[in-house]
Amino acid sequence: MNCKARLLRFAGFSLFILYCLLSITGCNSFLTRFIAKSFEQLPISPDIVAAKVEHPVFPKVGLSVLWIGHATCLIQIGDKVLITDPIFTNTAGMISKRRIEPGILPLSIDRLDYILISHIHFDHLSYGSLSLLPKTATMLLPSGGGEYTPEFGFSEYREMNAWTTIEADGMRITAVPVKHFSGRYGFDVSWLDHHTYTGYVIEYQGKTVFFAGDTGYDPEMFREIGRKFAVDIALIPIAPIEPRDFMKRVHTDPKEALQIFEDVGAKFMIPIHHRTFVQGLDSSLTFAQDQLKRLVSERHIENRVMILGIGKQQIFVP
């Protein structure tokens, strides 16, 4: 880890503690309520995921997706294996408590080609989780993400600007624009002159997967992705929802997630970024999922929106 990265981690930790103290003393209404809600969850053990998939990587499969929880998905296309925003730790940022176990054990991932990091927030760039993954992987990060990333021994690290593509062994991965916010610690946003967040489109063997990471809604942005790619599977966040006026700028709710699904023209959608951590002020862990189920039923698209349980693996192409 270089000196700047060490400084960022130390300063970030110090500022995080300050934020907690300020919040607890009532300096910010939303942050106070969120921190208080998170502290309430800390003594609670995460729910167990029964019958975890022990061998999630197939000798051969056309296309499969396993939802590990939050924005973490294990994707396999043919002989290539990828993981998105891996988080296996019990907390995110030392305060947000995991409410359900990861869907698989990290040791069950016996090979890995790519790690896709959508942005550098604590629940998406998890140092403790990255250290558990196979070192054969190439790690892709948004522009500027390398400064926040310690050396884990992965085969390669690549920073990606919007609409840039890497290609190797027939696989193409393109960074695509999404609508979120930069930085990791809050104070660092002031000196960043680029977006430290991105989505990705993965193309291999005639299959295309869009991973939105974490995003708010922007119609033109997602329609452009739909014009450029023939998306088979879209992994789209559906939470946090409340307080909506605050969250809307950077987080899609279920209705907006379905609009992204339509905009990119995907054949199937898997909702992500819900049920795993305490997020915002949503009334329950299933608040977003329940809304999505209702909307999907009203639109009669149950066969296209695959609402997976944590630890469940969907094989789209055997």
C-alpha atoms as a PDB file:
ATOM      1  CA  MET A   1       0.000   0.000   0.000  1.00  0.00           C
ATOM      2  CA  ASN A   2       1.485   3.384  -0.964  1.00  0.00           C
ATOM      3  CA  CYS A   3       1.751   6.346   1.420  1.00  0.00           C
ATOM      4  CA  LYS A   4      -1.283   8.115  -0.007  1.00  0.00           C
ATOM      5  CA  ALA A   5      -3.410   4.985   0.402  1.00  0.00           C
ATOM      6  CA  ARG A   6      -2.260   4.628   4.026  1.00  0.00           C
ATOM      7  CA  LEU A   7      -3.092   8.270   4.684  1.00  0.00           C
ATOM      8  CA  LEU A   8      -6.521   7.849   3.125  1.00  0.00           C
ATOM      9  CA  ARG A   9      -7.296   4.823   5.277  1.00  0.00           C
ATOM     10  CA  PHE A  10      -6.139   6.513   8.497  1.00  0.00           C
ATOM     11  CA  ALA A  11      -7.902   9.785   7.746  1.00  0.00           C
ATOM     12  CA  GLY A  12     -10.999   7.943   6.614  1.00  0.00           C
ATOM     13  CA  PHE A  13     -11.193   5.920   9.804  1.00  0.00           C
ATOM     14  CA  SER A  14     -10.728   9.053  11.925  1.00  0.00           C
ATOM     15  CA  LEU A  15     -13.394  10.945  10.007  1.00  0.00           C
ATOM     16  CA  PHE A  16     -15.743   7.995  10.185  1.00  0.00           C
ATOM     17  CA  ILE A  17     -15.512   8.020  13.989  1.00  0.00           C
ATOM     18  CA  LEU A  18     -16.123  11.768  13.954  1.00  0.00           C
ATOM     19  CA  TYR A  19     -19.195  11.305  11.760  1.00  0.00           C
ATOM     20  CA  CYS A  20     -20.526   8.751  14.233  1.00  0.00           C
ATOM     21  CA  LEU A  21     -19.998  11.096  17.188  1.00  0.00           C
ATOM     22  CA  LEU A  22     -21.592  14.027  15.375  1.00  0.00           C
ATOM     23  CA  SER A  23     -24.519  11.894  14.315  1.00  0.00           C
ATOM     24  CA  ILE A  24     -25.141  10.516  17.773  1.00  0.00           C
ATOM     25  CA  THR A  25     -25.193  14.044  19.188  1.00  0.00           C
ATOM     26  CA  GLY A  26     -27.856  15.029  16.651  1.00  0.00           C
ATOM     27  CA  CYS A  27     -25.937  17.055  14.068  1.00  0.00           C
ATOM     28  CA  ASN A  28     -27.682  15.432  11.103  1.00  0.00           C
ATOM     29  CA  SER A  29     -31.210  14.035  11.233  1.00  0.00           C
ATOM     30  CA  PHE A  30     -30.934  11.333   8.558  1.00  0.00           C
ATOM     31  CA  LEU A  31     -27.397  10.295   9.507  1.00  0.00           C
ATOM     32  CA  THR A  32     -28.341  10.217  13.189  1.00  0.00           C
ATOM     33  CA  ARG A  33     -31.270   7.897  12.531  1.00  0.00           C
ATOM     34  CA  PHE A  34     -29.246   5.676  10.206  1.00  0.00           C
ATOM     35  CA  ILE A  35     -26.308   5.314  12.616  1.00  0.00           C
ATOM     36  CA  ALA A  36     -28.682   4.643  15.495  1.00  0.00           C
ATOM     37  CA  LYS A  37     -30.479   1.992  13.453  1.00  0.00           C
ATOM     38  CA  SER A  38     -27.167   0.388  12.539  1.00  0.00           C
ATOM     39  CA  PHE A  39     -25.991   0.298  16.155  1.00  0.00           C
ATOM     40  CA  GLU A  40     -29.237  -1.417  17.120  1.00  0.00           C
ATOM     41  CA  GLN A  41     -28.372  -4.254  14.719  1.00  0.00           C
ATOM     42  CA  LEU A  42     -24.768  -4.810  15.846  1.00  0.00           C
ATOM     43  CA  PRO A  43     -25.493  -7.457  18.521  1.00  0.00           C
ATOM     44  CA  ILE A  44     -27.679  -9.441  16.106  1.00  0.00           C
ATOM     45  CA  SER A  45     -26.093 -12.472  14.452  1.00  0.00           C
ATOM     46  CA  PRO A  46     -26.716 -12.747  10.712  1.00  0.00           C
ATOM     47  CA  ASP A  47     -29.334 -15.224   9.583  1.00  0.00           C
ATOM     48  CA  ILE A  48     -28.007 -18.556   8.375  1.00  0.00           C
ATOM     49  CA  VAL A  49     -28.028 -19.498   4.708  1.00  0.00           C
ATOM     50  CA  ALA A  50     -28.887 -23.186   4.752  1.00  0.00           C
ATOM     51  CA  ALA A  51     -27.522 -25.636   2.184  1.00  0.00           C
ATOM     52  CA  LYS A  52     -24.940 -23.348   0.656  1.00  0.00           C
ATOM     53  CA  VAL A  53     -23.763 -24.312  -2.824  1.00  0.00           C
ATOM     54  CA  GLU A  54     -20.449 -26.062  -2.166  1.00  0.00           C
ATOM     55  CA  HIS A  55     -19.219 -26.096  -5.773  1.00  0.00           C
ATOM     56  CA  PRO A  56     -20.514 -22.908  -7.419  1.00  0.00           C
ATOM     57  CA  VAL A  57     -18.043 -23.025 -10.314  1.00  0.00           C
ATOM     58  CA  PHE A  58     -19.008 -25.547 -12.976  1.00  0.00           C
ATOM     59  CA  PRO A  59     -16.579 -27.494 -15.172  1.00  0.00           C
ATOM     60  CA  LYS A  60     -18.675 -26.142 -18.020  1.00  0.00           C
ATOM     61  CA  VAL A  61     -21.805 -23.979 -18.201  1.00  0.00           C
ATOM     62  CA  GLY A  62     -23.219 -21.561 -20.751  1.00  0.00           C
ATOM     63  CA  LEU A  63     -24.305 -18.808 -18.331  1.00  0.00           C
ATOM     64  CA  SER A  64     -25.028 -18.851 -14.599  1.00  0.00           C
ATOM     65  CA  VAL A  65     -25.433 -16.225 -11.871  1.00  0.00           C
ATOM     66  CA  LEU A  66     -25.281 -16.880  -8.127  1.00  0.00           C
ATOM     67  CA  TRP A  67     -26.398 -14.078  -5.811  1.00  0.00           C
ATOM     68  CA  ILE A  68     -24.068 -14.063  -2.793  1.00  0.00           C
ATOM     69  CA  GLY A  69     -25.792 -11.043  -1.267  1.00  0.00           C
ATOM     70  CA  HIS A  70     -25.848  -7.244  -1.580  1.00  0.00           C
ATOM     71  CA  ALA A  71     -24.157  -6.387  -4.931  1.00  0.00           C
ATOM     72  CA  THR A  72     -22.021  -9.539  -4.912  1.00  0.00           C
ATOM     73  CA  CYS A  73     -22.751 -11.981  -7.716  1.00  0.00           C
ATOM     74  CA  LEU A  74     -20.714 -14.900  -9.003  1.00  0.00           C
ATOM     75  CA  ILE A  75     -21.060 -14.990 -12.779  1.00  0.00           C
ATOM     76  CA  GLN A  76     -19.872 -17.820 -14.980  1.00  0.00           C
ATOM     77  CA  ILE A  77     -19.922 -17.698 -18.771  1.00  0.00           C
ATOM     78  CA  GLY A  78     -18.380 -20.768 -20.314  1.00  0.00           C
ATOM     79  CA  ASP A  79     -14.906 -21.173 -18.850  1.00  0.00           C
ATOM     80  CA  LYS A  80     -14.747 -17.651 -17.381  1.00  0.00           C
ATOM     81  CA  VAL A  81     -15.654 -16.798 -13.778  1.00  0.00           C
ATOM     82  CA  LEU A  82     -16.253 -13.280 -12.453  1.00  0.00           C
ATOM     83  CA  ILE A  83     -17.358 -11.771  -9.153  1.00  0.00           C
ATOM     84  CA  THR A  84     -18.925  -8.349  -8.626  1.00  0.00           C
ATOM     85  CA  ASP A  85     -18.297  -6.072  -5.616  1.00  0.00           C
ATOM     86  CA  PRO A  86     -17.308  -8.934  -3.297  1.00  0.00           C
ATOM     87  CA  ILE A  87     -18.270  -8.485   0.339  1.00  0.00           C
ATOM     88  CA  PHE A  88     -18.141 -11.432   2.743  1.00  0.00           C
ATOM     89  CA  THR A  89     -17.476  -9.538   5.984  1.00  0.00           C
ATOM     90  CA  ASN A  90     -19.992  -9.187   8.843  1.00  0.00           C
ATOM     91  CA  THR A  91     -20.032  -5.400   8.619  1.00  0.00           C
ATOM     92  CA  ALA A  92     -19.571  -2.736   5.966  1.00  0.00           C
ATOM     93  CA  GLY A  93     -17.508   0.221   7.089  1.00  0.00           C
ATOM     94  CA  MET A  94     -17.348  -1.205  10.622  1.00  0.00           C
ATOM     95  CA  ILE A  95     -20.896  -0.100  11.394  1.00  0.00           C
ATOM     96  CA  SER A  96     -23.496  -1.433   8.943  1.00  0.00           C
ATOM     97  CA  LYS A  97     -24.314  -4.940  10.160  1.00  0.00           C
ATOM     98  CA  ARG A  98     -24.772  -7.857   7.806  1.00  0.00           C
ATOM     99  CA  ARG A  99     -28.216  -9.353   8.443  1.00  0.00           C
ATOM    100  CA  ILE A 100     -27.831 -12.571   6.454  1.00  0.00           C
ATOM    101  CA  GLU A 101     -24.746 -14.671   5.782  1.00  0.00           C
ATOM    102  CA  PRO A 102     -22.991 -14.613   2.412  1.00  0.00           C
ATOM    103  CA  GLY A 103     -24.659 -17.096   0.100  1.00  0.00           C
ATOM    104  CA  ILE A 104     -21.485 -19.133  -0.354  1.00  0.00           C
ATOM    105  CA  LEU A 105     -18.147 -19.518   1.391  1.00  0.00           C
ATOM    106  CA  PRO A 106     -15.370 -17.586  -0.369  1.00  0.00           C
ATOM    107  CA  LEU A 107     -13.170 -20.694  -0.235  1.00  0.00           C
ATOM    108  CA  SER A 108     -15.645 -22.448  -2.539  1.00  0.00           C
ATOM    109  CA  ILE A 109     -14.544 -20.141  -5.359  1.00  0.00           C
ATOM    110  CA  ASP A 110     -11.639 -22.240  -6.550  1.00  0.00           C
ATOM    111  CA  ARG A 111     -10.855 -20.159  -9.633  1.00  0.00           C
ATOM    112  CA  LEU A 112     -11.559 -16.615 -10.680  1.00  0.00           C
ATOM    113  CA  ASP A 113     -10.793 -14.580 -13.781  1.00  0.00           C
ATOM    114  CA  TYR A 114     -12.130 -11.099 -12.966  1.00  0.00           C
ATOM    115  CA  ILE A 115     -13.173  -9.024  -9.956  1.00  0.00           C
ATOM    116  CA  LEU A 116     -15.399  -6.096 -10.944  1.00  0.00           C
ATOM    117  CA  ILE A 117     -15.505  -3.186  -8.495  1.00  0.00           C
ATOM    118  CA  SER A 118     -18.264  -0.698  -9.295  1.00  0.00           C
ATOM    119  CA  HIS A 119     -17.190   1.966  -6.777  1.00  0.00           C
ATOM    120  CA  ILE A 120     -15.075   2.479  -3.709  1.00  0.00           C
ATOM    121  CA  HIS A 121     -17.642   2.723  -0.913  1.00  0.00           C
ATOM    122  CA  PHE A 122     -17.149   0.380   2.048  1.00  0.00           C
ATOM    123  CA  ASP A 123     -19.911  -2.030   1.013  1.00  0.00           C
ATOM    124  CA  HIS A 124     -18.516  -2.472  -2.500  1.00  0.00           C
ATOM    125  CA  LEU A 125     -14.740  -2.248  -2.085  1.00  0.00           C
ATOM    126  CA  SER A 126     -14.270  -4.505   0.951  1.00  0.00           C
ATOM    127  CA  TYR A 127     -10.617  -5.043   1.863  1.00  0.00           C
ATOM    128  CA  GLY A 128     -11.323  -7.957   4.176  1.00  0.00           C
ATOM    129  CA  SER A 129     -13.287  -9.734   1.460  1.00  0.00           C
ATOM    130  CA  LEU A 130     -10.784  -9.219  -1.350  1.00  0.00           C
ATOM    131  CA  SER A 131      -8.072 -10.888   0.692  1.00  0.00           C
ATOM    132  CA  LEU A 132     -10.090 -14.149   0.589  1.00  0.00           C
ATOM    133  CA  LEU A 133     -10.277 -14.486  -3.198  1.00  0.00           C
ATOM    134  CA  PRO A 134      -8.053 -16.381  -5.665  1.00  0.00           C
ATOM    135  CA  LYS A 135      -5.041 -14.343  -6.756  1.00  0.00           C
ATOM    136  CA  THR A 136      -5.407 -15.423 -10.390  1.00  0.00           C
ATOM    137  CA  ALA A 137      -8.010 -12.716 -10.951  1.00  0.00           C
ATOM    138  CA  THR A 138      -7.668  -9.408 -12.741  1.00  0.00           C
ATOM    139  CA  MET A 139      -9.230  -6.645 -10.675  1.00  0.00           C
ATOM    140  CA  LEU A 140     -11.120  -3.912 -12.514  1.00  0.00           C
ATOM    141  CA  LEU A 141     -11.817  -0.597 -10.774  1.00  0.00           C
ATOM    142  CA  PRO A 142     -13.340   2.748 -11.703  1.00  0.00           C
ATOM    143  CA  SER A 143     -10.981   5.582 -12.510  1.00  0.00           C
ATOM    144  CA  GLY A 144      -9.089   6.596  -9.364  1.00  0.00           C
ATOM    145  CA  GLY A 145      -9.930   3.392  -7.537  1.00  0.00           C
ATOM    146  CA  GLY A 146      -6.331   2.206  -7.531  1.00  0.00           C
ATOM    147  CA  GLU A 147      -5.344   4.875  -4.999  1.00  0.00           C
ATOM    148  CA  TYR A 148      -7.750   3.296  -2.514  1.00  0.00           C
ATOM    149  CA  THR A 149      -6.728  -0.301  -3.143  1.00  0.00           C
ATOM    150  CA  PRO A 150      -4.024  -2.090  -1.148  1.00  0.00           C
ATOM    151  CA  GLU A 151      -1.858  -4.706  -2.854  1.00  0.00           C
ATOM    152  CA  PHE A 152      -3.687  -8.031  -2.638  1.00  0.00           C
ATOM    153  CA  GLY A 153      -1.458  -9.942  -5.052  1.00  0.00           C
ATOM    154  CA  PHE A 154      -3.960 -10.249  -7.882  1.00  0.00           C
ATOM    155  CA  SER A 155      -2.558 -10.891 -11.347  1.00  0.00           C
ATOM    156  CA  GLU A 156      -3.433  -7.419 -12.643  1.00  0.00           C
ATOM    157  CA  TYR A 157      -5.205  -4.190 -11.665  1.00  0.00           C
ATOM    158  CA  ARG A 158      -6.950  -2.042 -14.279  1.00  0.00           C
ATOM    159  CA  GLU A 159      -8.707   1.297 -13.809  1.00  0.00           C
ATOM    160  CA  MET A 160     -11.581   1.898 -16.219  1.00  0.00           C
ATOM    161  CA  ASN A 161     -13.062   5.128 -17.548  1.00  0.00           C
ATOM    162  CA  ALA A 162     -16.565   5.183 -19.013  1.00  0.00           C
ATOM    163  CA  TRP A 163     -16.824   3.449 -22.405  1.00  0.00           C
ATOM    164  CA  THR A 164     -13.336   1.965 -22.214  1.00  0.00           C
ATOM    165  CA  THR A 165     -13.000  -1.744 -22.954  1.00  0.00           C
ATOM    166  CA  ILE A 166     -10.540  -4.464 -22.094  1.00  0.00           C
ATOM    167  CA  GLU A 167     -10.414  -7.651 -24.131  1.00  0.00           C
ATOM    168  CA  ALA A 168      -8.618 -10.932 -23.441  1.00  0.00           C
ATOM    169  CA  ASP A 169      -9.205 -14.538 -24.529  1.00  0.00           C
ATOM    170  CA  GLY A 170     -12.371 -13.533 -26.355  1.00  0.00           C
ATOM    171  CA  MET A 171     -13.983 -11.788 -23.352  1.00  0.00           C
ATOM    172  CA  ARG A 172     -14.804  -8.086 -23.597  1.00  0.00           C
ATOM    173  CA  ILE A 173     -15.575  -5.989 -20.515  1.00  0.00           C
ATOM    174  CA  THR A 174     -16.700  -2.402 -20.996  1.00  0.00           C
ATOM    175  CA  ALA A 175     -17.046   0.201 -18.259  1.00  0.00           C
ATOM    176  CA  VAL A 176     -20.343   2.063 -18.690  1.00  0.00           C
ATOM    177  CA  PRO A 177     -21.630   5.225 -17.009  1.00  0.00           C
ATOM    178  CA  VAL A 178     -24.036   5.055 -14.066  1.00  0.00           C
ATOM    179  CA  LYS A 179     -25.354   7.698 -11.665  1.00  0.00           C
ATOM    180  CA  HIS A 180     -23.865   7.519  -8.173  1.00  0.00           C
ATOM    181  CA  PHE A 181     -21.335   9.528  -6.136  1.00  0.00           C
ATOM    182  CA  SER A 182     -17.572   9.552  -5.721  1.00  0.00           C
ATOM    183  CA  GLY A 183     -15.162   9.100  -2.867  1.00  0.00           C
ATOM    184  CA  ARG A 184     -14.965   6.679   0.046  1.00  0.00           C
ATOM    185  CA  TYR A 185     -14.708   8.791   3.167  1.00  0.00           C
ATOM    186  CA  GLY A 186     -16.745  11.897   2.392  1.00  0.00           C
ATOM    187  CA  PHE A 187     -13.964  14.455   2.706  1.00  0.00           C
ATOM    188  CA  ASP A 188     -12.087  13.035  -0.325  1.00  0.00           C
ATOM    189  CA  VAL A 189     -14.809  14.022  -2.803  1.00  0.00           C
ATOM    190  CA  SER A 190     -13.430  17.584  -2.829  1.00  0.00           C
ATOM    191  CA  TRP A 191     -10.172  16.650  -4.552  1.00  0.00           C
ATOM    192  CA  LEU A 192     -11.452  14.010  -7.004  1.00  0.00           C
ATOM    193  CA  ASP A 193     -11.683  15.296 -10.565  1.00  0.00           C
ATOM    194  CA  HIS A 194     -13.251  12.125 -11.968  1.00  0.00           C
ATOM    195  CA  HIS A 195     -16.042   9.668 -11.202  1.00  0.00           C
ATOM    196  CA  THR A 196     -14.942   6.854  -8.915  1.00  0.00           C
ATOM    197  CA  TYR A 197     -17.962   4.737  -9.889  1.00  0.00           C
ATOM    198  CA  THR A 198     -18.979   2.714 -12.925  1.00  0.00           C
ATOM    199  CA  GLY A 199     -21.089  -0.130 -14.265  1.00  0.00           C
ATOM    200  CA  TYR A 200     -19.812  -2.945 -16.470  1.00  0.00           C
ATOM    201  CA  VAL A 201     -20.972  -4.871 -19.525  1.00  0.00           C
ATOM    202  CA  ILE A 202     -19.468  -8.339 -19.926  1.00  0.00           C
ATOM    203  CA  GLU A 203     -19.495 -10.020 -23.352  1.00  0.00           C
ATOM    204  CA  TYR A 204     -18.313 -13.565 -23.958  1.00  0.00           C
ATOM    205  CA  GLN A 205     -19.298 -16.457 -26.193  1.00  0.00           C
ATOM    206  CA  GLY A 206     -22.375 -14.643 -27.481  1.00  0.00           C
ATOM    207  CA  LYS A 207     -23.734 -13.804 -23.982  1.00  0.00           C
ATOM    208  CA  THR A 208     -23.937 -10.337 -22.450  1.00  0.00           C
ATOM    209  CA  VAL A 209     -24.334  -9.401 -18.780  1.00  0.00           C
ATOM    210  CA  PHE A 210     -24.849  -5.838 -17.519  1.00  0.00           C
ATOM    211  CA  PHE A 211     -23.838  -5.118 -13.919  1.00  0.00           C
ATOM    212  CA  ALA A 212     -25.158  -1.735 -12.805  1.00  0.00           C
ATOM    213  CA  GLY A 213     -23.310  -1.682  -9.468  1.00  0.00           C
ATOM    214  CA  ASP A 214     -25.071   1.036  -7.479  1.00  0.00           C
ATOM    215  CA  THR A 215     -26.914   3.798  -9.274  1.00  0.00           C
ATOM    216  CA  GLY A 216     -29.699   6.313  -9.474  1.00  0.00           C
ATOM    217  CA  TYR A 217     -31.902   6.559 -12.542  1.00  0.00           C
ATOM    218  CA  ASP A 218     -30.963   8.464 -15.687  1.00  0.00           C
ATOM    219  CA  PRO A 219     -33.042   7.670 -18.784  1.00  0.00           C
ATOM    220  CA  GLU A 220     -30.572   8.681 -21.476  1.00  0.00           C
ATOM    221  CA  MET A 221     -27.646   6.966 -19.774  1.00  0.00           C
ATOM    222  CA  PHE A 222     -29.323   3.555 -19.694  1.00  0.00           C
ATOM    223  CA  ARG A 223     -30.961   3.866 -23.103  1.00  0.00           C
ATOM    224  CA  GLU A 224     -27.489   4.471 -24.529  1.00  0.00           C
ATOM    225  CA  ILE A 225     -26.306   1.207 -22.961  1.00  0.00           C
ATOM    226  CA  GLY A 226     -29.306  -0.505 -24.532  1.00  0.00           C
ATOM    227  CA  ARG A 227     -28.431   0.921 -27.942  1.00  0.00           C
ATOM    228  CA  LYS A 228     -24.823  -0.246 -27.736  1.00  0.00           C
ATOM    229  CA  PHE A 229     -25.309  -3.767 -26.334  1.00  0.00           C
ATOM    230  CA  ALA A 230     -27.696  -6.708 -26.686  1.00  0.00           C
ATOM    231  CA  VAL A 231     -28.046  -7.448 -22.974  1.00  0.00           C
ATOM    232  CA  ASP A 232     -29.107 -10.919 -21.843  1.00  0.00           C
ATOM    233  CA  ILE A 233     -28.951 -10.489 -18.046  1.00  0.00           C
ATOM    234  CA  ALA A 234     -29.144  -7.201 -16.119  1.00  0.00           C
ATOM    235  CA  LEU A 235     -28.058  -7.082 -12.469  1.00  0.00           C
ATOM    236  CA  ILE A 236     -29.799  -3.988 -11.100  1.00  0.00           C
ATOM    237  CA  PRO A 237     -29.977  -2.521  -7.553  1.00  0.00           C
ATOM    238  CA  ILE A 238     -33.420  -1.961  -5.986  1.00  0.00           C
ATOM    239  CA  ALA A 239     -32.558  -0.423  -2.581  1.00  0.00           C
ATOM    240  CA  PRO A 240     -32.247   1.579  -0.375  1.00  0.00           C
ATOM    241  CA  ILE A 241     -35.530   3.401  -0.922  1.00  0.00           C
ATOM    242  CA  GLU A 242     -36.170   5.666   2.080  1.00  0.00           C
ATOM    243  CA  PRO A 243     -35.937   8.567   2.648  1.00  0.00           C
ATOM    244  CA  ARG A 244     -36.818   8.820  -1.039  1.00  0.00           C
ATOM    245  CA  ASP A 245     -36.049  12.519  -1.548  1.00  0.00           C
ATOM    246  CA  PHE A 246     -32.516  11.869  -0.292  1.00  0.00           C
ATOM    247  CA  MET A 247     -31.914   8.451  -1.877  1.00  0.00           C
ATOM    248  CA  LYS A 248     -33.408   9.130  -5.306  1.00  0.00           C
ATOM    249  CA  ARG A 249     -30.332  10.981  -6.526  1.00  0.00           C
ATOM    250  CA  VAL A 250     -28.060   7.953  -6.236  1.00  0.00           C
ATOM    251  CA  HIS A 251     -30.199   4.831  -5.608  1.00  0.00           C
ATOM    252  CA  THR A 252     -32.928   3.291  -7.736  1.00  0.00           C
ATOM    253  CA  ASP A 253     -36.107   1.981  -6.160  1.00  0.00           C
ATOM    254  CA  PRO A 254     -37.870  -1.085  -7.639  1.00  0.00           C
ATOM    255  CA  LYS A 255     -39.916   0.959 -10.122  1.00  0.00           C
ATOM    256  CA  GLU A 256     -36.814   2.745 -11.418  1.00  0.00           C
ATOM    257  CA  ALA A 257     -34.885  -0.535 -11.520  1.00  0.00           C
ATOM    258  CA  LEU A 258     -37.579  -2.000 -13.779  1.00  0.00           C
ATOM    259  CA  GLN A 259     -37.284   1.090 -15.969  1.00  0.00           C
ATOM    260  CA  ILE A 260     -33.536   0.452 -16.313  1.00  0.00           C
ATOM    261  CA  PHE A 261     -34.365  -3.159 -17.200  1.00  0.00           C
ATOM    262  CA  GLU A 262     -36.597  -1.833 -19.985  1.00  0.00           C
ATOM    263  CA  ASP A 263     -34.142   0.870 -21.090  1.00  0.00           C
ATOM    264  CA  VAL A 264     -31.225  -1.536 -21.566  1.00  0.00           C
ATOM    265  CA  GLY A 265     -33.487  -4.040 -23.327  1.00  0.00           C
ATOM    266  CA  ALA A 266     -32.375  -7.009 -21.247  1.00  0.00           C
ATOM    267  CA  LYS A 267     -34.001 -10.414 -21.561  1.00  0.00           C
ATOM    268  CA  PHE A 268     -33.792 -11.104 -17.821  1.00  0.00           C
ATOM    269  CA  MET A 269     -33.203  -9.094 -14.650  1.00  0.00           C
ATOM    270  CA  ILE A 270     -31.810 -10.117 -11.271  1.00  0.00           C
ATOM    271  CA  PRO A 271     -32.373  -7.566  -8.474  1.00  0.00           C
ATOM    272  CA  ILE A 272     -29.366  -6.875  -6.255  1.00  0.00           C
ATOM    273  CA  HIS A 273     -28.344  -4.505  -3.426  1.00  0.00           C
ATOM    274  CA  HIS A 274     -31.109  -5.477  -1.014  1.00  0.00           C
ATOM    275  CA  ARG A 275     -31.892  -7.834   1.916  1.00  0.00           C
ATOM    276  CA  THR A 276     -28.272  -7.968   3.127  1.00  0.00           C
ATOM    277  CA  PHE A 277     -27.399  -4.845   5.139  1.00  0.00           C
ATOM    278  CA  VAL A 278     -29.357  -2.186   6.975  1.00  0.00           C
ATOM    279  CA  GLN A 279     -29.761   0.460   4.275  1.00  0.00           C
ATOM    280  CA  GLY A 280     -31.163   3.928   4.675  1.00  0.00           C
ATOM    281  CA  LEU A 281     -34.405   4.030   6.637  1.00  0.00           C
ATOM    282  CA  ASP A 282     -36.265   1.223   4.866  1.00  0.00           C
ATOM    283  CA  SER A 283     -38.795  -0.300   7.249  1.00  0.00           C
ATOM    284  CA  SER A 284     -37.616  -3.895   6.759  1.00  0.00           C
ATOM    285  CA  LEU A 285     -34.996  -5.932   4.954  1.00  0.00           C
ATOM    286  CA  THR A 286     -37.618  -7.103   2.461  1.00  0.00           C
ATOM    287  CA  PHE A 287     -39.124  -3.641   1.910  1.00  0.00           C
ATOM    288  CA  ALA A 288     -37.681  -3.286  -1.608  1.00  0.00           C
ATOM    289  CA  GLN A 289     -38.183  -6.929  -2.554  1.00  0.00           C
ATOM    290  CA  ASP A 290     -41.852  -6.804  -1.559  1.00  0.00           C
ATOM    291  CA  GLN A 291     -42.407  -3.737  -3.732  1.00  0.00           C
ATOM    292  CA  LEU A 292     -40.615  -5.347  -6.641  1.00  0.00           C
ATOM    293  CA  LYS A 293     -42.713  -8.529  -6.382  1.00  0.00           C
ATOM    294  CA  ARG A 294     -45.899  -6.460  -6.532  1.00  0.00           C
ATOM    295  CA  LEU A 295     -44.749  -4.505  -9.588  1.00  0.00           C
ATOM    296  CA  VAL A 296     -43.555  -7.641 -11.365  1.00  0.00           C
ATOM    297  CA  SER A 297     -46.889  -9.345 -10.715  1.00  0.00           C
ATOM    298  CA  GLU A 298     -48.857  -6.319 -11.975  1.00  0.00           C
ATOM    299  CA  ARG A 299     -46.811  -6.312 -15.199  1.00  0.00           C
ATOM    300  CA  HIS A 300     -46.905 -10.107 -15.617  1.00  0.00           C
ATOM    301  CA  ILE A 301     -43.134 -10.396 -16.063  1.00  0.00           C
ATOM    302  CA  GLU A 302     -42.456 -13.065 -13.428  1.00  0.00           C
ATOM    303  CA  ASN A 303     -40.706 -15.173 -16.071  1.00  0.00           C
ATOM    304  CA  ARG A 304     -38.216 -12.380 -16.808  1.00  0.00           C
ATOM    305  CA  VAL A 305     -37.415 -10.907 -13.371  1.00  0.00           C
ATOM    306  CA  MET A 306     -35.616 -13.557 -11.348  1.00  0.00           C
ATOM    307  CA  ILE A 307     -35.884 -12.650  -7.644  1.00  0.00           C
ATOM    308  CA  LEU A 308     -33.214 -14.928  -6.224  1.00  0.00           C
ATOM    309  CA  GLY A 309     -32.738 -15.883  -2.622  1.00  0.00           C
ATOM    310  CA  ILE A 310     -29.299 -15.237  -1.198  1.00  0.00           C
ATOM    311  CA  GLY A 311     -27.130 -18.211  -2.113  1.00  0.00           C
ATOM    312  CA  LYS A 312     -29.361 -19.249  -5.015  1.00  0.00           C
ATOM    313  CA  GLN A 313     -27.819 -19.930  -8.396  1.00  0.00           C
ATOM    314  CA  GLN A 314     -29.709 -19.438 -11.652  1.00  0.00           C
ATOM    315  CA  ILE A 315     -28.497 -21.312 -14.718  1.00  0.00           C
ATOM    316  CA  PHE A 316     -29.666 -19.453 -17.803  1.00  0.00           C
ATOM    317  CA  VAL A 317     -27.775 -21.489 -20.379  1.00  0.00           C
ATOM    318  CA  PRO A 318     -26.657 -25.037 -19.392  1.00  0.00           C
END
